[in-house]
Protein backbone atom coordinates (compact mmCIF):
# COMPACT_ATOMS: atom_id res chain seq x y z
CA UNK A 1 45.05 -3.80 -13.28
CA UNK A 2 43.10 -3.20 -10.15
CA UNK A 3 39.48 -2.16 -10.12
CA UNK A 4 38.34 0.50 -7.78
CA UNK A 5 35.02 0.05 -5.98
CA UNK A 6 32.23 2.26 -7.27
CA UNK A 7 31.85 5.57 -5.52
CA UNK A 8 28.46 5.91 -3.83
CA UNK A 9 26.47 8.77 -5.27
CA UNK A 10 25.26 11.42 -2.93
CA UNK A 11 22.07 13.23 -3.48
CA UNK A 12 22.22 17.01 -3.44
CA UNK A 13 21.16 18.76 -0.27
CA UNK A 14 17.47 19.58 -0.38
CA UNK A 15 16.70 17.07 -3.15
CA UNK A 16 13.74 14.78 -2.46
CA UNK A 17 14.63 11.32 -1.22
CA UNK A 18 13.36 8.61 -3.60
CA UNK A 19 12.33 6.33 -0.73
CA UNK A 20 10.20 9.09 0.78
CA UNK A 21 8.53 9.76 -2.55
CA UNK A 22 7.96 6.03 -2.80
CA UNK A 23 6.26 6.12 0.61
CA UNK A 24 4.00 8.92 -0.56
CA UNK A 25 3.01 6.86 -3.62
CA UNK A 26 2.43 3.78 -1.47
CA UNK A 27 0.33 5.80 0.98
CA UNK A 28 -1.79 7.12 -1.90
CA UNK A 29 -2.26 3.62 -3.31
CA UNK A 30 -3.10 2.22 0.12
CA UNK A 31 -5.58 5.05 0.65
CA UNK A 32 -7.36 4.05 -2.53
CA UNK A 33 -7.18 0.31 -1.82
CA UNK A 34 -8.27 0.45 1.85
CA UNK A 35 -12.00 1.05 1.28
CA UNK A 36 -12.12 -1.60 -1.43
CA UNK A 37 -10.48 -4.16 0.87
CA UNK A 38 -12.76 -3.08 3.74
CA UNK A 39 -15.92 -3.50 1.68
CA UNK A 40 -14.77 -6.86 0.30
CA UNK A 41 -13.96 -8.06 3.82
CA UNK A 42 -17.34 -6.89 5.09
CA UNK A 43 -19.31 -8.54 2.29
CA UNK A 44 -17.37 -11.81 2.34
CA UNK A 45 -17.46 -12.24 6.10
CA UNK A 46 -21.12 -11.31 6.64
CA UNK A 47 -22.31 -14.88 6.19
CA UNK A 48 -19.46 -16.39 8.21
CA UNK A 49 -19.98 -14.03 11.17
CA UNK A 50 -23.77 -14.42 11.28
CA UNK A 51 -24.86 -15.53 14.72
CA UNK A 52 -21.42 -15.03 16.29
CA UNK A 53 -21.25 -11.67 18.03
CA UNK A 54 -17.51 -11.78 18.67
CA UNK A 55 -16.70 -12.51 15.03
CA UNK A 56 -19.07 -9.77 13.90
CA UNK A 57 -17.41 -7.26 16.24
CA UNK A 58 -13.92 -8.25 15.04
CA UNK A 59 -14.95 -7.86 11.40
CA UNK A 60 -16.66 -4.53 12.08
CA UNK A 61 -13.68 -3.14 13.96
CA UNK A 62 -11.32 -4.31 11.22
CA UNK A 63 -13.42 -2.67 8.53
CA UNK A 64 -13.59 0.60 10.49
CA UNK A 65 -9.85 0.52 11.12
CA UNK A 66 -9.16 -0.02 7.41
CA UNK A 67 -11.38 2.91 6.43
CA UNK A 68 -9.83 5.25 9.00
CA UNK A 69 -6.32 4.16 8.04
CA UNK A 70 -7.10 4.78 4.38
CA UNK A 71 -8.34 8.27 5.18
CA UNK A 72 -5.22 9.12 7.20
CA UNK A 73 -2.87 7.68 4.56
CA UNK A 74 -4.61 9.73 1.89
CA UNK A 75 -4.07 12.91 3.88
CA UNK A 76 -0.42 11.97 4.48
CA UNK A 77 0.04 11.42 0.74
CA UNK A 78 -1.58 14.77 -0.05
CA UNK A 79 0.74 16.55 2.37
CA UNK A 80 3.73 14.82 0.75
CA UNK A 81 2.81 16.16 -2.71
CA UNK A 82 4.30 19.54 -1.81
CA UNK A 83 7.67 17.97 -1.29
CA UNK A 84 7.71 15.18 -3.88
CA UNK A 85 5.38 16.39 -6.61
CA UNK A 86 1.97 15.24 -7.70
CA UNK A 87 2.94 12.58 -10.22
CA UNK A 88 1.55 9.21 -9.17
CA UNK A 89 0.32 10.58 -5.85
CA UNK A 90 -2.31 13.28 -6.23
CA UNK A 91 -5.04 11.40 -8.11
CA UNK A 92 -4.93 8.31 -5.94
CA UNK A 93 -4.71 10.32 -2.73
CA UNK A 94 -7.66 12.56 -3.62
CA UNK A 95 -9.78 9.57 -4.66
CA UNK A 96 -8.81 7.69 -1.48
CA UNK A 97 -9.63 10.62 0.79
CA UNK A 98 -12.97 11.18 -0.98
CA UNK A 99 -14.05 7.53 -0.86
CA UNK A 100 -12.90 7.01 2.74
CA UNK A 101 -14.43 10.34 3.79
CA UNK A 102 -17.74 9.39 2.19
CA UNK A 103 -17.73 6.04 4.01
CA UNK A 104 -16.88 7.72 7.32
CA UNK A 105 -19.75 10.17 6.77
CA UNK A 106 -22.17 7.34 6.00
CA UNK A 107 -21.06 5.48 9.11
CA UNK A 108 -21.55 8.58 11.27
CA UNK A 109 -25.04 9.11 9.85
CA UNK A 110 -26.04 5.45 10.19
CA UNK A 111 -24.55 4.91 13.65
CA UNK A 112 -27.38 6.52 15.68
CA UNK A 113 -29.97 4.54 13.71
CA UNK A 114 -28.06 1.30 14.30
CA UNK A 115 -27.80 1.99 18.02
CA UNK A 116 -31.52 2.76 18.19
CA UNK A 117 -32.38 -0.43 16.28
CA UNK A 118 -30.23 -2.48 18.67
CA UNK A 119 -32.01 -0.97 21.68
CA UNK A 120 -35.42 -1.68 20.16
CA UNK A 121 -34.44 -5.27 19.37
CA UNK A 122 -33.22 -5.80 22.92
CA UNK A 123 -36.44 -4.34 24.35
CA UNK A 124 -38.57 -6.52 22.06
CA UNK A 125 -36.62 -9.59 23.15
CA UNK A 126 -37.23 -8.75 26.83
CA UNK A 127 -40.96 -8.33 26.20
CA UNK A 128 -41.13 -11.72 24.48
CA UNK A 129 -39.30 -13.39 27.36
CA UNK A 130 -41.70 -11.81 29.86
CA UNK A 131 -44.70 -12.98 27.83
CA UNK A 132 -43.32 -16.52 27.69
CA UNK A 133 -42.74 -16.53 31.46
CA UNK A 134 -46.28 -15.28 32.08
CA UNK A 135 -47.73 -17.97 29.82
CA UNK A 136 -45.76 -20.67 31.64
CA UNK A 137 -46.98 -19.39 35.01
CA UNK A 138 -50.60 -19.43 33.82
CA UNK A 139 -50.30 -23.00 32.56
CA UNK A 140 -49.01 -24.29 35.89
CA UNK A 141 -51.80 -25.01 38.41
């Protein structure tokens, strides 16, 4: 008796592909997880990056990239719900878009204040250096 190999099953034309639906679920989950990972990374690396401008910039850029990626993945997952249904996708995608959108909004509101504070700090540092130089010149005969 010979055994025949199993016949591969074909999906009907127009039926949703399971791997695509899986991507939509993964995108929704990643959208929800991205801001949590970004905030954890920011909080945990604050102490380590203190005093090192390069490390602080790398951490900041990574956090921003995670938040933006989470927002985009949430939108992608929401678009995919038309094709693959809402089960396992809609709730996570909506929550991810809302949380990431809120963080993006907070960043956009806080950015001008942060830039202004950096300018003021730099100006204050220049004034202190000038005062120190003037004091040194006065002490020298």
